[in-house]
Amino acid sequence: PFMATSYGVRRLTPRECERLQGFPDDWTRYADDGSEISDSARYRMLGNAVTVDVAQWIARRIAGSTHV
């Protein structure tokens, strides 16, 4: 993931990617055992994730709710 700026193109941080996906900051930063996860692994997890709003919308549709 990259973002254009007036200075050129820079890579988005894992935190920025978490925010774009609708996750809390540092959601992917630590493993279950408390060890820190590498940025490359975090990018991979975030790339494979479903955006929170999309998952909620699908769940509501399955449940038959008309609220959006």
N, C-alpha and C. Protein backbone atom coordinates (compact mmCIF):
# COMPACT_ATOMS: atom_id res chain seq x y z
N PRO A 1 0.82 -1.21 0.00
CA PRO A 1 0.00 0.00 0.00
C PRO A 1 0.86 1.25 0.00
N PHE A 2 0.58 2.13 -0.92
CA PHE A 2 1.36 3.35 -1.05
C PHE A 2 0.45 4.57 -1.12
N MET A 3 0.99 5.72 -0.76
CA MET A 3 0.22 6.96 -0.77
C MET A 3 1.08 8.05 -1.39
N ALA A 4 0.52 8.83 -2.33
CA ALA A 4 1.25 9.91 -2.96
C ALA A 4 1.22 11.16 -2.07
N THR A 5 2.34 11.83 -1.94
CA THR A 5 2.42 13.10 -1.21
C THR A 5 3.15 14.09 -2.11
N SER A 6 3.26 15.32 -1.66
CA SER A 6 3.99 16.32 -2.45
C SER A 6 5.48 16.00 -2.48
N TYR A 7 5.93 15.12 -1.60
CA TYR A 7 7.34 14.72 -1.55
C TYR A 7 7.61 13.44 -2.31
N GLY A 8 6.58 12.80 -2.82
CA GLY A 8 6.75 11.54 -3.52
C GLY A 8 5.73 10.54 -3.04
N VAL A 9 6.09 9.28 -3.09
CA VAL A 9 5.19 8.21 -2.68
C VAL A 9 5.78 7.55 -1.44
N ARG A 10 4.94 7.33 -0.44
CA ARG A 10 5.42 6.64 0.75
C ARG A 10 4.50 5.47 1.05
N ARG A 11 5.03 4.50 1.75
CA ARG A 11 4.27 3.32 2.13
C ARG A 11 3.38 3.66 3.32
N LEU A 12 2.14 3.17 3.30
CA LEU A 12 1.26 3.34 4.45
C LEU A 12 1.79 2.51 5.61
N THR A 13 1.63 3.00 6.82
CA THR A 13 2.06 2.25 7.99
C THR A 13 1.01 1.18 8.32
N PRO A 14 1.39 0.16 9.07
CA PRO A 14 0.39 -0.82 9.49
C PRO A 14 -0.76 -0.17 10.26
N ARG A 15 -0.48 0.84 11.06
CA ARG A 15 -1.53 1.54 11.82
C ARG A 15 -2.52 2.21 10.86
N GLU A 16 -2.01 2.84 9.81
CA GLU A 16 -2.89 3.47 8.83
C GLU A 16 -3.75 2.43 8.12
N CYS A 17 -3.16 1.29 7.82
CA CYS A 17 -3.92 0.21 7.19
C CYS A 17 -5.00 -0.33 8.13
N GLU A 18 -4.68 -0.43 9.42
CA GLU A 18 -5.68 -0.86 10.40
C GLU A 18 -6.85 0.12 10.43
N ARG A 19 -6.56 1.40 10.41
CA ARG A 19 -7.62 2.42 10.42
C ARG A 19 -8.48 2.32 9.17
N LEU A 20 -7.86 2.10 8.01
CA LEU A 20 -8.62 1.97 6.77
C LEU A 20 -9.55 0.76 6.81
N GLN A 21 -9.12 -0.29 7.50
CA GLN A 21 -9.93 -1.50 7.61
C GLN A 21 -10.99 -1.39 8.71
N GLY A 22 -10.90 -0.36 9.54
CA GLY A 22 -11.87 -0.19 10.62
C GLY A 22 -11.47 -0.85 11.92
N PHE A 23 -10.22 -1.23 12.04
CA PHE A 23 -9.72 -1.85 13.27
C PHE A 23 -9.15 -0.79 14.20
N PRO A 24 -9.10 -1.07 15.50
CA PRO A 24 -8.45 -0.15 16.44
C PRO A 24 -6.94 -0.08 16.16
N ASP A 25 -6.31 1.01 16.56
CA ASP A 25 -4.86 1.14 16.40
C ASP A 25 -4.16 -0.03 17.08
N ASP A 26 -3.12 -0.53 16.43
CA ASP A 26 -2.27 -1.63 16.93
C ASP A 26 -3.02 -2.95 17.11
N TRP A 27 -4.14 -3.12 16.44
CA TRP A 27 -4.92 -4.36 16.53
C TRP A 27 -4.09 -5.57 16.13
N THR A 28 -3.19 -5.40 15.17
CA THR A 28 -2.37 -6.52 14.67
C THR A 28 -0.94 -6.48 15.20
N ARG A 29 -0.66 -5.61 16.14
CA ARG A 29 0.74 -5.41 16.56
C ARG A 29 1.32 -6.56 17.40
N TYR A 30 0.48 -7.19 18.22
CA TYR A 30 1.00 -8.20 19.14
C TYR A 30 0.32 -9.56 18.92
N ALA A 31 1.11 -10.61 19.08
CA ALA A 31 0.59 -11.97 19.01
C ALA A 31 -0.08 -12.33 20.34
N ASP A 32 -0.72 -13.48 20.38
CA ASP A 32 -1.39 -13.93 21.60
C ASP A 32 -0.45 -14.03 22.79
N ASP A 33 0.81 -14.36 22.52
CA ASP A 33 1.78 -14.51 23.61
C ASP A 33 2.44 -13.19 24.01
N GLY A 34 2.02 -12.08 23.38
CA GLY A 34 2.56 -10.77 23.74
C GLY A 34 3.75 -10.34 22.91
N SER A 35 4.26 -11.21 22.06
CA SER A 35 5.39 -10.84 21.22
C SER A 35 4.92 -9.93 20.08
N GLU A 36 5.83 -9.05 19.64
CA GLU A 36 5.48 -8.11 18.58
C GLU A 36 5.55 -8.81 17.22
N ILE A 37 4.57 -8.52 16.38
CA ILE A 37 4.48 -9.13 15.05
C ILE A 37 5.18 -8.21 14.06
N SER A 38 5.91 -8.78 13.10
CA SER A 38 6.63 -7.98 12.10
C SER A 38 5.65 -7.20 11.23
N ASP A 39 6.13 -6.09 10.69
CA ASP A 39 5.28 -5.28 9.82
C ASP A 39 4.83 -6.07 8.60
N SER A 40 5.71 -6.88 8.03
CA SER A 40 5.32 -7.64 6.83
C SER A 40 4.18 -8.61 7.15
N ALA A 41 4.22 -9.23 8.31
CA ALA A 41 3.13 -10.13 8.71
C ALA A 41 1.85 -9.34 8.97
N ARG A 42 1.99 -8.14 9.53
CA ARG A 42 0.82 -7.29 9.78
C ARG A 42 0.17 -6.86 8.47
N TYR A 43 0.99 -6.47 7.48
CA TYR A 43 0.46 -6.10 6.17
C TYR A 43 -0.29 -7.28 5.55
N ARG A 44 0.26 -8.46 5.67
CA ARG A 44 -0.38 -9.67 5.13
C ARG A 44 -1.72 -9.92 5.81
N MET A 45 -1.77 -9.83 7.14
CA MET A 45 -3.02 -10.03 7.87
C MET A 45 -4.07 -9.00 7.46
N LEU A 46 -3.64 -7.75 7.37
CA LEU A 46 -4.57 -6.68 7.03
C LEU A 46 -5.06 -6.80 5.59
N GLY A 47 -4.19 -7.26 4.71
CA GLY A 47 -4.58 -7.46 3.32
C GLY A 47 -5.58 -8.59 3.16
N ASN A 48 -5.54 -9.56 4.05
CA ASN A 48 -6.47 -10.69 4.00
C ASN A 48 -7.74 -10.44 4.81
N ALA A 49 -7.80 -9.33 5.51
CA ALA A 49 -8.94 -9.04 6.38
C ALA A 49 -10.13 -8.51 5.59
N VAL A 50 -11.31 -8.64 6.19
CA VAL A 50 -12.52 -8.04 5.65
C VAL A 50 -12.78 -6.76 6.45
N THR A 51 -13.06 -5.67 5.75
CA THR A 51 -13.33 -4.40 6.41
C THR A 51 -14.49 -4.56 7.39
N VAL A 52 -14.37 -3.98 8.57
CA VAL A 52 -15.36 -4.12 9.64
C VAL A 52 -16.75 -3.74 9.17
N ASP A 53 -16.89 -2.61 8.50
CA ASP A 53 -18.21 -2.17 8.04
C ASP A 53 -18.84 -3.16 7.06
N VAL A 54 -18.03 -3.76 6.21
CA VAL A 54 -18.55 -4.73 5.25
C VAL A 54 -19.02 -5.99 5.98
N ALA A 55 -18.25 -6.46 6.95
CA ALA A 55 -18.64 -7.64 7.72
C ALA A 55 -19.94 -7.39 8.48
N GLN A 56 -20.08 -6.20 9.06
CA GLN A 56 -21.30 -5.86 9.78
C GLN A 56 -22.50 -5.82 8.83
N TRP A 57 -22.32 -5.24 7.66
CA TRP A 57 -23.40 -5.16 6.68
C TRP A 57 -23.86 -6.56 6.27
N ILE A 58 -22.90 -7.44 5.99
CA ILE A 58 -23.23 -8.82 5.59
C ILE A 58 -23.96 -9.53 6.72
N ALA A 59 -23.49 -9.37 7.95
CA ALA A 59 -24.13 -10.03 9.10
C ALA A 59 -25.57 -9.55 9.27
N ARG A 60 -25.80 -8.26 9.09
CA ARG A 60 -27.17 -7.73 9.20
C ARG A 60 -28.06 -8.30 8.10
N ARG A 61 -27.53 -8.41 6.90
CA ARG A 61 -28.31 -8.97 5.80
C ARG A 61 -28.67 -10.43 6.05
N ILE A 62 -27.72 -11.18 6.58
CA ILE A 62 -27.98 -12.60 6.89
C ILE A 62 -29.03 -12.71 7.99
N ALA A 63 -28.93 -11.83 8.99
CA ALA A 63 -29.86 -11.86 10.11
C ALA A 63 -31.25 -11.33 9.72
N GLY A 64 -31.35 -10.69 8.56
CA GLY A 64 -32.63 -10.18 8.11
C GLY A 64 -32.98 -8.83 8.65
N SER A 65 -32.02 -8.14 9.23
CA SER A 65 -32.25 -6.82 9.77
C SER A 65 -32.36 -5.80 8.64
N THR A 66 -33.24 -4.84 8.76
CA THR A 66 -33.36 -3.79 7.76
C THR A 66 -32.59 -2.55 8.15
N HIS A 67 -31.95 -2.53 9.33
CA HIS A 67 -31.17 -1.38 9.76
C HIS A 67 -29.83 -1.38 9.06
N VAL A 68 -29.42 -0.22 8.62
CA VAL A 68 -28.14 -0.11 7.93
C VAL A 68 -27.16 0.67 8.75
